[in-house]
Amino acid sequence: MQDFVKIDRRGKVAILTFNRPDTLNALASHEDCFAIVDALAEVEHDSGISVAVVTGSGRAFSAGGNLKAMKERQGIGRLATPDDTRTNYRRGVHKVARALYDCELPLIAAVNGHAIGLGLDLAALCDMRIAADTAKFAASFVKIGIVPGDGGAWALSRAVGYAKATELFFTGETFGPEEALAIGLISRVVPADRLIDEAVALGEKIAANPARALRMTKRLLREAQNQRLSDVLELSAAFQAIAHETADHAEAVDAFLEKRTPNFTGD
């Protein structure tokens, strides 16, 4: 069986592709979860990478959890007892949610097809989302009698707002890229055959900026969702003190004053 995540590199942009098209990139095992966690760690620790694009192969971004495995009490969901199931979520799916949230790199979800249940929540945990005109979305947990056990109640409500998130979770209905754009879940819709190129182009615009400043800016934005203003101001001052001493900051100031394009090195 092929690795669940394939990693490609285009300059400073990494592309992480869920690579199980025959199962619509559903997550069936802890190995699938660990593959995502490991891939994120690999590109995050690569000093030559500034941005990561997350996408899927074939017709789906990810169809979420594997229902057959759930029925058989195997894989990442239901096990023999409720206590076993709770632990199972913590050691598998929750590690994926934490890895996406904690990743220092700006993350772009390029939603190529179905993003259903867990698949939608994985996209929502990324910083930005663009979608192909073939994309389909659904927060469909209630349709099979379960709850969003993967952090989606946190991620989706922050992506689209509480009221809209409740509508999506309570109805479980499928919707297309036009509605996703209208509610702010995604920032743009592009032709399917242009999706990866558009995602990489966005990534390249971001990666043209100083890498360390990007990572610290992302951390500030993440922390600002949960902290008081006074706490964010303190963290901002600490990060700014670091940023002011970087070689890239000095280069940016010199380039501006000398009216030339800066040459950032990541230092």
Protein backbone atom coordinates (compact mmCIF):
# COMPACT_ATOMS: atom_id res chain seq x y z
CA MET A 1 0.00 0.00 0.00
CA GLN A 2 1.38 3.41 -0.94
CA ASP A 3 2.24 6.01 1.69
CA PHE A 4 -0.81 8.02 2.71
CA VAL A 5 0.99 11.34 2.21
CA LYS A 6 3.19 12.23 -0.74
CA ILE A 7 5.54 15.22 -0.44
CA ASP A 8 6.65 17.31 -3.41
CA ARG A 9 8.66 20.52 -3.36
CA ARG A 10 8.41 23.53 -5.65
CA GLY A 11 11.07 25.93 -4.48
CA LYS A 12 10.06 27.17 -1.03
CA VAL A 13 6.58 25.62 -1.29
CA ALA A 14 5.92 22.02 -0.21
CA ILE A 15 2.89 20.11 -1.50
CA LEU A 16 1.49 17.44 0.82
CA THR A 17 -0.93 15.17 -1.04
CA PHE A 18 -3.24 12.64 0.57
CA ASN A 19 -2.45 9.72 -1.70
CA ARG A 20 -5.16 7.06 -1.34
CA PRO A 21 -7.51 7.96 -4.23
CA ASP A 22 -9.14 4.50 -4.31
CA THR A 23 -10.69 5.21 -0.88
CA LEU A 24 -11.25 8.93 -1.53
CA ASN A 25 -8.34 9.64 0.82
CA ALA A 26 -10.32 8.54 3.87
CA LEU A 27 -8.28 8.04 7.03
CA ALA A 28 -8.58 4.39 8.02
CA SER A 29 -5.67 3.73 10.37
CA HIS A 30 -3.33 5.31 12.87
CA GLU A 31 -0.61 4.87 10.30
CA ASP A 32 -2.54 7.31 8.08
CA CYS A 33 -2.71 9.79 10.95
CA PHE A 34 0.97 9.39 11.75
CA ALA A 35 1.83 9.87 8.07
CA ILE A 36 0.18 13.31 8.13
CA VAL A 37 1.89 14.24 11.40
CA ASP A 38 5.29 13.09 10.12
CA ALA A 39 4.89 14.87 6.78
CA LEU A 40 4.05 18.15 8.51
CA ALA A 41 7.06 17.75 10.81
CA GLU A 42 9.34 17.00 7.87
CA VAL A 43 8.47 20.13 5.91
CA GLU A 44 8.29 22.31 9.02
CA HIS A 45 11.85 21.36 9.94
CA ASP A 46 13.12 21.96 6.40
CA SER A 47 14.70 25.42 6.44
CA GLY A 48 14.22 25.64 2.68
CA ILE A 49 10.42 25.46 2.97
CA SER A 50 8.33 28.51 3.90
CA VAL A 51 4.78 27.42 2.97
CA ALA A 52 2.93 24.10 2.65
CA VAL A 53 -0.04 23.23 0.43
CA VAL A 54 -2.28 20.37 1.60
CA THR A 55 -4.37 18.62 -1.06
CA GLY A 56 -5.74 15.24 -2.15
CA SER A 57 -5.23 12.93 -5.11
CA GLY A 58 -8.04 11.79 -7.37
CA ARG A 59 -11.65 12.90 -6.80
CA ALA A 60 -11.40 13.85 -3.13
CA PHE A 61 -9.52 16.05 -0.72
CA SER A 62 -10.54 13.57 1.97
CA ALA A 63 -13.79 11.72 2.53
CA GLY A 64 -13.04 11.75 6.27
CA GLY A 65 -13.11 8.62 8.38
CA ASN A 66 -13.45 5.11 7.01
CA LEU A 67 -16.99 3.88 7.75
CA LYS A 68 -16.16 0.25 7.11
CA ALA A 69 -13.41 0.41 9.75
CA MET A 70 -15.84 2.11 12.15
CA LYS A 71 -18.41 -0.63 11.69
CA GLU A 72 -15.76 -3.28 12.33
CA ARG A 73 -14.49 -1.41 15.42
CA GLN A 74 -11.06 -0.99 13.89
CA GLY A 75 -8.86 1.91 12.87
CA ILE A 76 -9.10 5.48 14.13
CA GLY A 77 -12.65 5.55 15.51
CA ARG A 78 -14.84 3.18 17.46
CA LEU A 79 -13.21 0.33 19.40
CA ALA A 80 -14.48 -2.25 21.87
CA THR A 81 -15.52 0.12 24.69
CA PRO A 82 -16.21 3.87 25.05
CA ASP A 83 -12.98 4.27 27.07
CA ASP A 84 -11.00 2.56 24.30
CA THR A 85 -12.64 4.77 21.69
CA ARG A 86 -11.84 7.95 23.63
CA THR A 87 -8.19 6.95 23.89
CA ASN A 88 -8.20 5.97 20.22
CA TYR A 89 -9.25 9.46 19.13
CA ARG A 90 -6.60 11.03 21.32
CA ARG A 91 -3.76 8.94 19.91
CA GLY A 92 -4.77 9.27 16.26
CA VAL A 93 -7.08 11.93 14.88
CA HIS A 94 -6.32 14.40 17.67
CA LYS A 95 -2.61 14.21 16.89
CA VAL A 96 -3.40 15.25 13.31
CA ALA A 97 -5.48 18.21 14.50
CA ARG A 98 -2.71 19.32 16.86
CA ALA A 99 -0.05 18.92 14.18
CA LEU A 100 -1.99 21.08 11.73
CA TYR A 101 -2.69 23.71 14.36
CA ASP A 102 0.86 23.77 15.75
CA CYS A 103 2.67 23.73 12.40
CA GLU A 104 4.71 26.94 12.13
CA LEU A 105 4.45 27.05 8.35
CA PRO A 106 1.54 28.87 6.70
CA LEU A 107 -0.77 26.10 5.45
CA ILE A 108 -2.93 26.34 2.33
CA ALA A 109 -5.65 23.73 1.85
CA ALA A 110 -6.19 23.18 -1.88
CA VAL A 111 -9.56 21.40 -1.88
CA ASN A 112 -9.71 19.44 -5.11
CA GLY A 113 -12.88 17.40 -4.51
CA HIS A 114 -14.90 15.98 -1.63
CA ALA A 115 -13.97 17.35 1.82
CA ILE A 116 -16.40 15.48 4.04
CA GLY A 117 -16.60 15.23 7.83
CA LEU A 118 -13.05 14.83 9.08
CA GLY A 119 -11.85 15.89 5.61
CA LEU A 120 -13.63 19.25 5.94
CA ASP A 121 -12.20 19.74 9.41
CA LEU A 122 -8.66 19.03 8.20
CA ALA A 123 -9.11 21.79 5.63
CA ALA A 124 -10.57 24.12 8.27
CA LEU A 125 -7.50 23.61 10.45
CA CYS A 126 -5.30 25.03 7.69
CA ASP A 127 -4.71 28.79 7.60
CA MET A 128 -6.12 29.39 4.12
CA ARG A 129 -8.34 27.45 1.76
CA ILE A 130 -8.91 27.62 -1.97
CA ALA A 131 -11.10 25.18 -3.87
CA ALA A 132 -11.55 23.68 -7.29
CA ASP A 133 -14.87 24.17 -9.02
CA THR A 134 -15.36 20.41 -8.47
CA ALA A 135 -15.12 20.63 -4.66
CA LYS A 136 -17.85 19.41 -2.32
CA PHE A 137 -18.07 20.05 1.41
CA ALA A 138 -20.09 18.58 4.28
CA ALA A 139 -19.90 18.65 8.07
CA SER A 140 -21.86 15.43 7.98
CA PHE A 141 -21.15 13.80 11.35
CA VAL A 142 -24.77 14.08 12.47
CA LYS A 143 -25.89 12.17 9.38
CA ILE A 144 -24.25 9.04 10.79
CA GLY A 145 -25.18 9.74 14.40
CA ILE A 146 -21.84 10.99 15.73
CA VAL A 147 -20.28 14.33 16.69
CA PRO A 148 -17.23 16.14 15.26
CA GLY A 149 -14.67 14.26 17.32
CA ASP A 150 -11.66 15.73 15.57
CA GLY A 151 -11.63 19.37 16.68
CA GLY A 152 -13.97 20.54 13.95
CA ALA A 153 -16.29 22.27 16.42
CA TRP A 154 -13.36 24.57 17.19
CA ALA A 155 -11.90 24.92 13.70
CA LEU A 156 -15.01 25.30 11.55
CA SER A 157 -16.68 27.81 13.88
CA ARG A 158 -13.57 29.99 13.65
CA ALA A 159 -13.47 29.66 9.88
CA VAL A 160 -17.10 30.60 9.17
CA GLY A 161 -18.47 31.93 12.48
CA TYR A 162 -20.54 30.23 15.16
CA ALA A 163 -23.99 30.64 13.61
CA LYS A 164 -23.00 29.28 10.19
CA ALA A 165 -20.99 26.46 11.73
CA THR A 166 -24.02 25.35 13.74
CA GLU A 167 -26.10 25.27 10.55
CA LEU A 168 -23.50 23.17 8.79
CA PHE A 169 -23.09 20.74 11.69
CA PHE A 170 -26.81 20.49 12.54
CA THR A 171 -27.96 19.83 8.97
CA GLY A 172 -24.96 17.87 7.72
CA GLU A 173 -25.87 18.94 4.21
CA THR A 174 -23.44 18.92 1.31
CA PHE A 175 -22.60 22.23 -0.35
CA GLY A 176 -20.47 23.38 -3.23
CA PRO A 177 -17.61 25.83 -3.72
CA GLU A 178 -19.88 28.80 -4.42
CA GLU A 179 -21.50 28.56 -0.97
CA ALA A 180 -18.12 27.84 0.59
CA LEU A 181 -16.86 31.09 -0.92
CA ALA A 182 -19.94 33.04 0.18
CA ILE A 183 -19.58 31.97 3.82
CA GLY A 184 -15.85 32.63 3.95
CA LEU A 185 -14.75 29.00 4.24
CA ILE A 186 -12.57 29.45 1.16
CA SER A 187 -11.05 32.56 -0.39
CA ARG A 188 -11.37 31.64 -4.06
CA VAL A 189 -12.72 29.09 -6.56
CA VAL A 190 -10.52 28.05 -9.46
CA PRO A 191 -10.80 25.55 -12.34
CA ALA A 192 -9.86 22.08 -11.18
CA ASP A 193 -6.97 21.81 -13.61
CA ARG A 194 -5.50 25.05 -12.22
CA LEU A 195 -5.91 24.32 -8.52
CA ILE A 196 -2.39 23.25 -7.59
CA ASP A 197 -0.78 25.93 -9.76
CA GLU A 198 -2.97 28.58 -8.11
CA ALA A 199 -2.20 27.23 -4.64
CA VAL A 200 1.53 27.18 -5.35
CA ALA A 201 1.36 30.70 -6.80
CA LEU A 202 -0.29 31.90 -3.58
CA GLY A 203 2.34 30.03 -1.61
CA GLU A 204 5.12 31.67 -3.61
CA LYS A 205 3.73 35.14 -2.85
CA ILE A 206 3.85 34.28 0.83
CA ALA A 207 7.24 32.55 0.65
CA ALA A 208 8.77 35.65 -0.96
CA ASN A 209 8.72 37.21 2.52
CA PRO A 210 11.17 36.56 5.39
CA ALA A 211 10.68 33.00 6.66
CA ARG A 212 11.16 33.69 10.36
CA ALA A 213 8.78 36.64 10.30
CA LEU A 214 6.18 34.46 8.58
CA ARG A 215 6.41 31.78 11.26
CA MET A 216 6.19 34.26 14.12
CA THR A 217 3.30 36.10 12.47
CA LYS A 218 1.40 32.82 12.18
CA ARG A 219 1.99 32.06 15.85
CA LEU A 220 0.72 35.52 16.82
CA LEU A 221 -2.42 35.02 14.75
CA ARG A 222 -3.02 31.60 16.29
CA GLU A 223 -2.51 32.82 19.85
CA ALA A 224 -4.68 35.89 19.25
CA GLN A 225 -7.71 33.62 18.76
CA ASN A 226 -7.62 32.57 22.41
CA GLN A 227 -5.66 35.17 24.36
CA ARG A 228 -6.50 38.51 25.93
CA LEU A 229 -5.20 41.60 24.17
CA SER A 230 -2.72 42.23 26.99
CA ASP A 231 -1.26 38.73 26.53
CA VAL A 232 -1.02 39.13 22.76
CA LEU A 233 0.71 42.49 23.18
CA GLU A 234 3.33 40.90 25.44
CA LEU A 235 3.94 38.07 22.95
CA SER A 236 4.05 40.59 20.10
CA ALA A 237 6.74 42.60 21.88
CA ALA A 238 8.82 39.47 22.46
CA PHE A 239 8.52 38.30 18.87
CA GLN A 240 9.21 41.79 17.55
CA ALA A 241 12.40 41.99 19.59
CA ILE A 242 13.55 38.80 17.85
CA ALA A 243 12.43 39.96 14.40
CA HIS A 244 14.29 43.28 14.67
CA GLU A 245 17.58 41.41 15.08
CA THR A 246 17.22 39.17 12.01
CA ALA A 247 19.35 39.58 8.92
CA ASP A 248 16.22 39.58 6.77
CA HIS A 249 14.82 42.60 8.62
CA ALA A 250 18.06 44.50 8.03
CA GLU A 251 18.00 43.47 4.37
CA ALA A 252 14.37 44.59 4.00
CA VAL A 253 15.15 48.04 5.41
CA ASP A 254 18.27 48.43 3.28
CA ALA A 255 16.43 47.33 0.14
CA PHE A 256 13.61 49.79 0.80
CA LEU A 257 15.98 52.69 1.34
CA GLU A 258 18.08 51.71 -1.68
CA LYS A 259 14.97 51.18 -3.85
CA ARG A 260 15.85 47.61 -4.83
CA THR A 261 14.36 44.13 -4.45
CA PRO A 262 15.38 42.48 -1.16
CA ASN A 263 17.31 39.20 -1.09
CA PHE A 264 16.02 37.24 1.89
CA THR A 265 18.02 34.30 3.24
CA GLY A 266 15.88 33.15 6.15
CA ASP A 267 18.42 34.45 8.69
